[in-house]
Amino acid sequence: MNEEVDNTQERPVLRPTRQRPDSPNNIPPERSQNVRKSAPSGQRKRSAQGQQGQRRKGQPARKAAAGQRRSQQPRNGNGTSRRPAHGRNPRRRTNTGALAAVAIVAFLCGCLLATLVTCSVMRAQVEGARAEAAAAQSEAANRAVQTVTDQHSATSATSTNATASNATASNATAANTNATNATSTGAGVEDPWLTQGTFTTGDETLDQEVKAFCDERVTTAMNVDTAALEVYKAIAWAEYVERDDAQHPAGKDWRIEYARKYYEHDCSGNCYEFAAFLMYCLRYLGYQDATAQGVAIELQSGSWGDHGLVYVTNTDGRKCLCDTSRGVDGWMLDDTVYNVEIQDFENA
């Protein structure tokens, strides 16, 4: 039998369920096509496990993402990326050429400055050396002048002290010598240095030459030693010349002959001529025993050589010799300073 259904039994009331706003049922048709369908939970788990497996194999997720980003960047026509290289900004490019030029200019300026400083230092050193050399030369000249002055002063002082004791003997000797010369020649020249007032060499021409030479260089205001030294220096500093006709003095009048050769050859000659003319000049000034003598002299090398000297008694009584070949240093040396042998030219 068919049971009848009781339609009067209450049926449960179905309430409409609240749906999510983004549910596919609520999305308009035009948007629903763009919505990515979510994968089932099982599939999502498998994909997560796959990614973890890839990470374990050494492919970090960041590198994969970077590769995807690079693959998505736009490319140029030659296949290169339009994005500038990492760390370079085209808007802040540095002009390296200008910096290099500035560096070169600065280097050249530094070199030029260093060169100028070096030149200045070298110039100062050269000027200093020149000043020192000039000062040294000046000092040497002053010392030489002072030495000569001291020698003159010492000689003058010595002669002044000895003049009083030797005046009588000197005057007597001079008078005897000049008297003999005047008797033999009967002539002479005026001599302010001698008591009798006349002087002669035995040759009238030589008398005039000796007087002219001495009077040109000394005055009577000088003492006899100073005057004699001035005449000696004038003779010693004359030009030394070797002539063939003045190599072998001989005869009683060889001194007159060689003295005239000295004066007549513009006051030049060799040691014999110097000695002969100096002898007569010293006699004119009062050294009446002055005598030119030819000698054989021992040299420093040990050998012997011919030479001409003047032997004279100084105003202080010392026996001396004068050697014109030594310049100022040859004035009034001790007569034993050389090892000599006297040569007899008068009887040669």
Protein backbone atom coordinates (compact mmCIF):
# COMPACT_ATOMS: atom_id res chain seq x y z
CA MET A 1 0.00 0.00 0.00
CA ASN A 2 1.10 3.22 -0.72
CA GLU A 3 1.75 5.23 2.26
CA GLU A 4 0.71 8.68 1.92
CA VAL A 5 3.17 11.31 2.45
CA ASP A 6 2.38 13.80 5.03
CA ASN A 7 3.00 17.10 3.37
CA THR A 8 2.19 18.81 6.54
CA GLN A 9 5.57 17.85 8.13
CA GLU A 10 7.74 20.90 8.44
CA ARG A 11 10.65 21.07 6.15
CA PRO A 12 13.95 22.62 7.23
CA VAL A 13 14.33 26.18 6.06
CA LEU A 14 17.53 26.63 3.95
CA ARG A 15 19.12 29.91 4.69
CA PRO A 16 21.27 31.43 2.05
CA THR A 17 24.96 31.18 3.01
CA ARG A 18 27.13 34.31 3.07
CA GLN A 19 29.68 34.13 0.29
CA ARG A 20 33.13 35.80 0.19
CA PRO A 21 33.28 38.93 -1.89
CA ASP A 22 35.98 37.48 -4.06
CA SER A 23 34.26 34.23 -4.58
CA PRO A 24 34.08 33.14 -8.19
CA ASN A 25 30.38 33.31 -7.98
CA ASN A 26 30.45 36.98 -7.06
CA ILE A 27 33.10 38.07 -9.63
CA PRO A 28 31.76 39.53 -12.80
CA PRO A 29 32.20 37.42 -15.85
CA GLU A 30 34.71 39.77 -17.41
CA ARG A 31 37.00 39.52 -14.32
CA SER A 32 36.57 35.90 -13.59
CA GLN A 33 38.68 34.95 -16.59
CA ASN A 34 41.74 36.79 -15.20
CA VAL A 35 41.57 35.18 -11.77
CA ARG A 36 44.20 32.50 -11.24
CA LYS A 37 42.65 29.31 -10.07
CA SER A 38 44.12 28.04 -6.87
CA ALA A 39 45.61 24.61 -7.00
CA PRO A 40 44.36 21.89 -4.78
CA SER A 41 46.05 21.58 -1.44
CA GLY A 42 47.76 18.37 -2.39
CA GLN A 43 49.19 19.89 -5.52
CA ARG A 44 50.42 22.91 -3.58
CA LYS A 45 52.26 20.66 -1.18
CA ARG A 46 53.92 18.81 -3.99
CA SER A 47 55.04 22.04 -5.65
CA ALA A 48 56.47 23.34 -2.33
CA GLN A 49 58.38 20.12 -1.86
CA GLY A 50 59.74 20.45 -5.41
CA GLN A 51 60.99 23.98 -4.75
CA GLN A 52 62.68 22.84 -1.56
CA GLY A 53 64.37 20.08 -3.55
CA GLN A 54 65.63 22.62 -6.07
CA ARG A 55 67.04 24.79 -3.27
CA ARG A 56 68.84 21.81 -1.86
CA LYS A 57 70.47 21.27 -5.26
CA GLY A 58 72.21 24.76 -5.03
CA GLN A 59 69.80 26.99 -6.92
CA PRO A 60 68.79 29.74 -4.53
CA ALA A 61 65.43 31.24 -5.01
CA ARG A 62 66.87 34.72 -5.20
CA LYS A 63 69.06 33.85 -8.14
CA ALA A 64 66.14 32.26 -9.90
CA ALA A 65 64.04 35.35 -9.30
CA ALA A 66 66.88 37.57 -10.55
CA GLY A 67 67.16 35.46 -13.67
CA GLN A 68 63.44 35.77 -14.26
CA ARG A 69 63.70 39.56 -13.82
CA ARG A 70 66.58 39.80 -16.25
CA SER A 71 64.71 37.68 -18.75
CA GLN A 72 61.76 40.02 -18.48
CA GLN A 73 63.85 43.21 -19.06
CA PRO A 74 63.54 44.85 -22.48
CA ARG A 75 66.40 44.26 -24.89
CA ASN A 76 68.05 46.44 -27.50
CA GLY A 77 68.29 45.49 -31.11
CA ASN A 78 71.73 43.90 -30.53
CA GLY A 79 70.44 41.79 -27.67
CA THR A 80 71.88 43.86 -24.81
CA SER A 81 69.88 45.16 -21.90
CA ARG A 82 68.76 48.77 -21.88
CA ARG A 83 69.45 49.04 -18.18
CA PRO A 84 72.86 50.66 -17.41
CA ALA A 85 75.56 48.55 -15.84
CA HIS A 86 75.54 48.10 -12.07
CA GLY A 87 77.13 51.06 -10.21
CA ARG A 88 77.29 53.39 -13.22
CA ASN A 89 75.12 56.40 -13.59
CA PRO A 90 75.33 58.07 -17.01
CA ARG A 91 74.25 61.36 -15.48
CA ARG A 92 77.31 61.40 -13.17
CA ARG A 93 80.09 60.47 -15.55
CA THR A 94 83.54 61.91 -14.57
CA ASN A 95 85.67 63.70 -17.19
CA THR A 96 88.88 61.69 -16.74
CA GLY A 97 90.68 63.55 -19.54
CA ALA A 98 90.32 66.90 -17.76
CA LEU A 99 91.55 65.41 -14.47
CA ALA A 100 94.59 63.93 -16.22
CA ALA A 101 95.41 67.29 -17.83
CA VAL A 102 95.15 69.06 -14.48
CA ALA A 103 97.45 66.47 -12.88
CA ILE A 104 100.06 66.91 -15.66
CA VAL A 105 99.98 70.69 -15.36
CA ALA A 106 100.41 70.46 -11.58
CA PHE A 107 103.36 68.08 -12.02
CA LEU A 108 105.08 70.39 -14.53
CA CYS A 109 104.55 73.39 -12.24
CA GLY A 110 106.14 71.46 -9.39
CA CYS A 111 109.14 70.53 -11.54
CA LEU A 112 109.59 74.15 -12.66
CA LEU A 113 109.43 75.40 -9.08
CA ALA A 114 111.99 72.81 -7.95
CA THR A 115 114.32 73.82 -10.81
CA LEU A 116 114.08 77.51 -9.87
CA VAL A 117 114.82 76.76 -6.24
CA THR A 118 117.82 74.60 -7.20
CA CYS A 119 119.19 77.30 -9.50
CA SER A 120 118.82 79.92 -6.77
CA VAL A 121 120.67 77.75 -4.27
CA MET A 122 123.49 77.02 -6.73
CA ARG A 123 123.80 80.69 -7.62
CA ALA A 124 124.03 81.62 -3.94
CA GLN A 125 126.74 78.98 -3.43
CA VAL A 126 128.75 80.24 -6.42
CA GLU A 127 128.52 83.85 -5.23
CA GLY A 128 129.56 82.78 -1.75
CA ALA A 129 132.57 80.90 -3.15
CA ARG A 130 133.58 83.93 -5.20
CA ALA A 131 133.28 86.20 -2.17
CA GLU A 132 135.40 83.82 -0.09
CA ALA A 133 138.05 83.62 -2.82
CA ALA A 134 138.15 87.41 -3.13
CA ALA A 135 138.43 87.76 0.65
CA ALA A 136 141.24 85.20 0.75
CA GLN A 137 143.15 87.01 -2.00
CA SER A 138 142.68 90.33 -0.27
CA GLU A 139 143.86 88.89 3.02
CA ALA A 140 146.94 87.36 1.37
CA ALA A 141 147.78 90.68 -0.28
CA ASN A 142 147.37 92.51 3.02
CA ARG A 143 149.64 90.01 4.73
CA ALA A 144 152.30 90.42 2.06
CA VAL A 145 152.15 94.21 2.36
CA GLN A 146 152.28 93.97 6.13
CA THR A 147 155.30 91.65 5.96
CA VAL A 148 157.19 94.05 3.71
CA THR A 149 156.21 96.97 5.94
CA ASP A 150 157.41 95.14 9.04
CA GLN A 151 160.68 94.33 7.36
CA HIS A 152 161.13 97.96 6.40
CA SER A 153 160.30 99.11 9.91
CA ALA A 154 162.67 96.62 11.52
CA THR A 155 165.47 97.55 9.13
CA SER A 156 164.89 101.23 9.70
CA ALA A 157 164.89 100.83 13.47
CA THR A 158 168.06 98.77 13.38
CA SER A 159 169.80 101.20 11.09
CA THR A 160 168.79 104.15 13.26
CA ASN A 161 170.27 102.55 16.35
CA ALA A 162 173.46 101.57 14.59
CA THR A 163 173.98 104.76 12.62
CA ALA A 164 175.48 106.67 15.54
CA SER A 165 178.13 104.04 16.25
CA ASN A 166 179.00 103.30 12.61
CA ALA A 167 178.73 106.76 11.10
CA THR A 168 182.37 107.60 11.66
CA ALA A 169 183.69 104.39 10.15
CA SER A 170 181.30 104.52 7.19
CA ASN A 171 182.09 108.10 6.38
CA ALA A 172 185.80 107.44 6.63
CA THR A 173 185.55 104.47 4.31
CA ALA A 174 183.40 106.38 1.85
CA ALA A 175 185.79 109.30 1.86
CA ASN A 176 188.78 107.08 1.18
CA THR A 177 187.04 105.21 -1.63
CA ASN A 178 185.67 108.30 -3.35
CA ALA A 179 188.97 110.07 -2.97
CA THR A 180 190.66 107.21 -4.74
CA ASN A 181 188.04 107.18 -7.52
CA ALA A 182 188.16 110.94 -7.94
CA THR A 183 191.94 110.89 -8.16
CA SER A 184 191.90 108.22 -10.82
CA THR A 185 189.28 109.85 -13.01
CA GLY A 186 189.34 113.44 -11.97
CA ALA A 187 185.55 113.58 -12.35
CA GLY A 188 182.30 112.47 -10.69
CA VAL A 189 178.65 113.33 -10.12
CA GLU A 190 176.93 115.11 -7.30
CA ASP A 191 175.94 112.69 -4.54
CA PRO A 192 173.75 113.95 -1.66
CA TRP A 193 174.24 110.68 0.26
CA LEU A 194 177.99 111.06 0.74
CA THR A 195 179.82 113.49 2.97
CA GLN A 196 182.15 114.73 0.24
CA GLY A 197 179.13 115.22 -2.07
CA THR A 198 180.60 113.49 -5.16
CA PHE A 199 180.51 109.97 -6.52
CA THR A 200 182.23 108.20 -9.38
CA THR A 201 182.39 104.67 -10.78
CA GLY A 202 185.45 105.39 -12.89
CA ASP A 203 183.23 105.78 -15.98
CA GLU A 204 181.51 109.09 -16.65
CA THR A 205 178.63 107.48 -18.58
CA LEU A 206 177.95 104.97 -15.85
CA ASP A 207 178.13 107.75 -13.25
CA GLN A 208 175.22 109.53 -14.94
CA GLU A 209 173.26 106.30 -15.33
CA VAL A 210 173.61 105.31 -11.67
CA LYS A 211 172.66 108.79 -10.46
CA ALA A 212 169.60 108.97 -12.74
CA PHE A 213 168.42 105.51 -11.67
CA CYS A 214 168.74 106.20 -7.94
CA ASP A 215 167.45 109.77 -7.88
CA GLU A 216 164.33 108.66 -9.79
CA ARG A 217 163.39 106.18 -7.04
CA VAL A 218 164.57 107.63 -3.72
CA THR A 219 164.77 110.99 -1.96
CA THR A 220 167.03 112.35 0.73
CA ALA A 221 164.04 112.35 3.10
CA MET A 222 164.44 108.55 3.38
CA ASN A 223 167.00 106.93 5.62
CA VAL A 224 169.80 105.08 3.89
CA ASP A 225 168.44 101.59 4.57
CA THR A 226 164.97 102.35 3.17
CA ALA A 227 166.47 104.04 0.10
CA ALA A 228 168.81 101.11 -0.52
CA LEU A 229 165.93 98.62 -0.25
CA GLU A 230 163.83 100.57 -2.76
CA VAL A 231 166.71 100.60 -5.26
CA TYR A 232 167.34 96.88 -4.66
CA LYS A 233 163.68 95.98 -5.35
CA ALA A 234 163.68 97.99 -8.59
CA ILE A 235 166.69 96.03 -9.81
CA ALA A 236 165.57 92.60 -8.52
CA TRP A 237 162.13 92.90 -10.13
CA ALA A 238 163.54 93.82 -13.54
CA GLU A 239 163.30 91.50 -16.55
CA TYR A 240 165.79 88.63 -16.50
CA VAL A 241 167.40 88.14 -19.92
CA GLU A 242 170.26 85.84 -20.94
CA ARG A 243 172.41 87.37 -23.69
CA ASP A 244 175.31 85.63 -25.38
CA ASP A 245 177.69 88.54 -24.79
CA ALA A 246 177.09 88.54 -21.02
CA GLN A 247 177.89 84.97 -20.08
CA HIS A 248 181.60 85.12 -19.21
CA PRO A 249 182.76 88.18 -17.26
CA ALA A 250 186.50 88.82 -17.47
CA GLY A 251 189.00 91.63 -16.84
CA LYS A 252 189.48 94.28 -14.18
CA ASP A 253 186.62 96.43 -15.49
CA TRP A 254 184.06 93.68 -15.97
CA ARG A 255 181.77 95.29 -13.33
CA ILE A 256 181.61 98.59 -15.22
CA GLU A 257 180.99 96.76 -18.49
CA TYR A 258 178.16 94.60 -17.12
CA ALA A 259 176.57 97.48 -15.19
CA ARG A 260 176.33 99.52 -18.40
CA LYS A 261 174.83 96.55 -20.25
CA TYR A 262 172.08 96.32 -17.64
CA TYR A 263 171.14 99.99 -17.90
CA GLU A 264 171.52 100.30 -21.67
CA HIS A 265 169.30 97.24 -22.30
CA ASP A 266 166.26 98.88 -20.68
CA CYS A 267 167.27 97.71 -17.19
CA SER A 268 167.35 94.00 -17.97
CA GLY A 269 169.96 91.28 -17.94
CA ASN A 270 171.30 88.27 -16.07
CA CYS A 271 172.64 87.81 -12.54
CA TYR A 272 176.09 89.27 -13.36
CA GLU A 273 174.58 92.45 -14.80
CA PHE A 274 172.17 92.78 -11.86
CA ALA A 275 175.02 92.37 -9.34
CA ALA A 276 177.31 94.87 -11.07
CA PHE A 277 174.70 97.63 -11.34
CA LEU A 278 173.47 97.02 -7.76
CA MET A 279 177.03 97.36 -6.47
CA TYR A 280 177.39 100.89 -7.88
CA CYS A 281 173.92 101.93 -6.73
CA LEU A 282 174.71 100.81 -3.16
CA ARG A 283 177.97 102.73 -3.26
CA TYR A 284 176.10 105.81 -4.47
CA LEU A 285 173.85 105.51 -1.39
CA GLY A 286 176.76 105.12 1.05
CA TYR A 287 177.53 101.37 1.16
CA GLN A 288 181.10 101.92 0.05
CA ASP A 289 182.31 98.33 0.51
CA ALA A 290 179.61 96.84 -1.73
CA THR A 291 181.29 94.50 -4.22
CA ALA A 292 179.83 92.42 -7.08
CA GLN A 293 181.34 88.97 -7.15
CA GLY A 294 181.05 86.01 -9.47
CA VAL A 295 180.75 82.68 -7.63
CA ALA A 296 180.18 79.01 -8.13
CA ILE A 297 177.23 78.15 -5.87
CA GLU A 298 176.05 74.76 -4.67
CA LEU A 299 172.44 74.14 -5.65
CA GLN A 300 169.79 72.23 -3.70
CA SER A 301 170.11 69.34 -6.14
CA GLY A 302 173.76 68.95 -5.12
CA SER A 303 175.20 70.24 -8.39
CA TRP A 304 177.03 73.57 -8.84
CA GLY A 305 176.10 76.59 -10.93
CA ASP A 306 177.52 80.01 -11.82
CA HIS A 307 175.95 83.02 -10.15
CA GLY A 308 176.48 86.69 -9.38
CA LEU A 309 176.12 88.15 -5.84
CA VAL A 310 176.84 91.42 -4.05
CA TYR A 311 178.76 91.30 -0.76
CA VAL A 312 178.22 94.28 1.54
CA THR A 313 178.46 95.37 5.19
CA ASN A 314 175.06 96.41 6.55
CA THR A 315 174.66 99.55 8.64
CA ASP A 316 174.43 97.38 11.78
CA GLY A 317 177.88 95.93 11.07
CA ARG A 318 176.77 92.51 9.77
CA LYS A 319 178.51 90.96 6.80
CA CYS A 320 175.74 90.30 4.26
CA LEU A 321 175.10 89.40 0.68
CA CYS A 322 172.33 90.41 -1.74
CA ASP A 323 170.86 87.89 -4.18
CA THR A 324 168.58 89.59 -6.73
CA SER A 325 167.37 86.22 -8.05
CA ARG A 326 165.33 85.76 -4.82
CA GLY A 327 163.46 89.04 -5.09
CA VAL A 328 162.73 90.80 -1.79
CA ASP A 329 163.80 87.69 0.12
CA GLY A 330 167.35 88.12 -1.20
CA TRP A 331 167.98 91.43 0.60
CA MET A 332 170.78 91.53 3.20
CA LEU A 333 171.19 87.78 3.77
CA ASP A 334 173.88 86.41 6.01
CA ASP A 335 177.06 85.97 3.97
CA THR A 336 177.27 82.31 5.02
CA VAL A 337 173.80 81.34 3.78
CA TYR A 338 175.25 79.75 0.61
CA ASN A 339 178.06 77.31 0.02
CA VAL A 340 180.07 79.16 -2.64
CA GLU A 341 183.47 79.33 -4.28
CA ILE A 342 184.66 82.77 -5.33
CA GLN A 343 185.59 83.09 -9.01
CA ASP A 344 188.43 85.38 -10.00
CA PHE A 345 187.12 87.22 -13.06
CA GLU A 346 189.69 90.05 -12.83
CA ASN A 347 192.56 87.76 -13.71
CA ALA A 348 190.65 85.51 -16.07
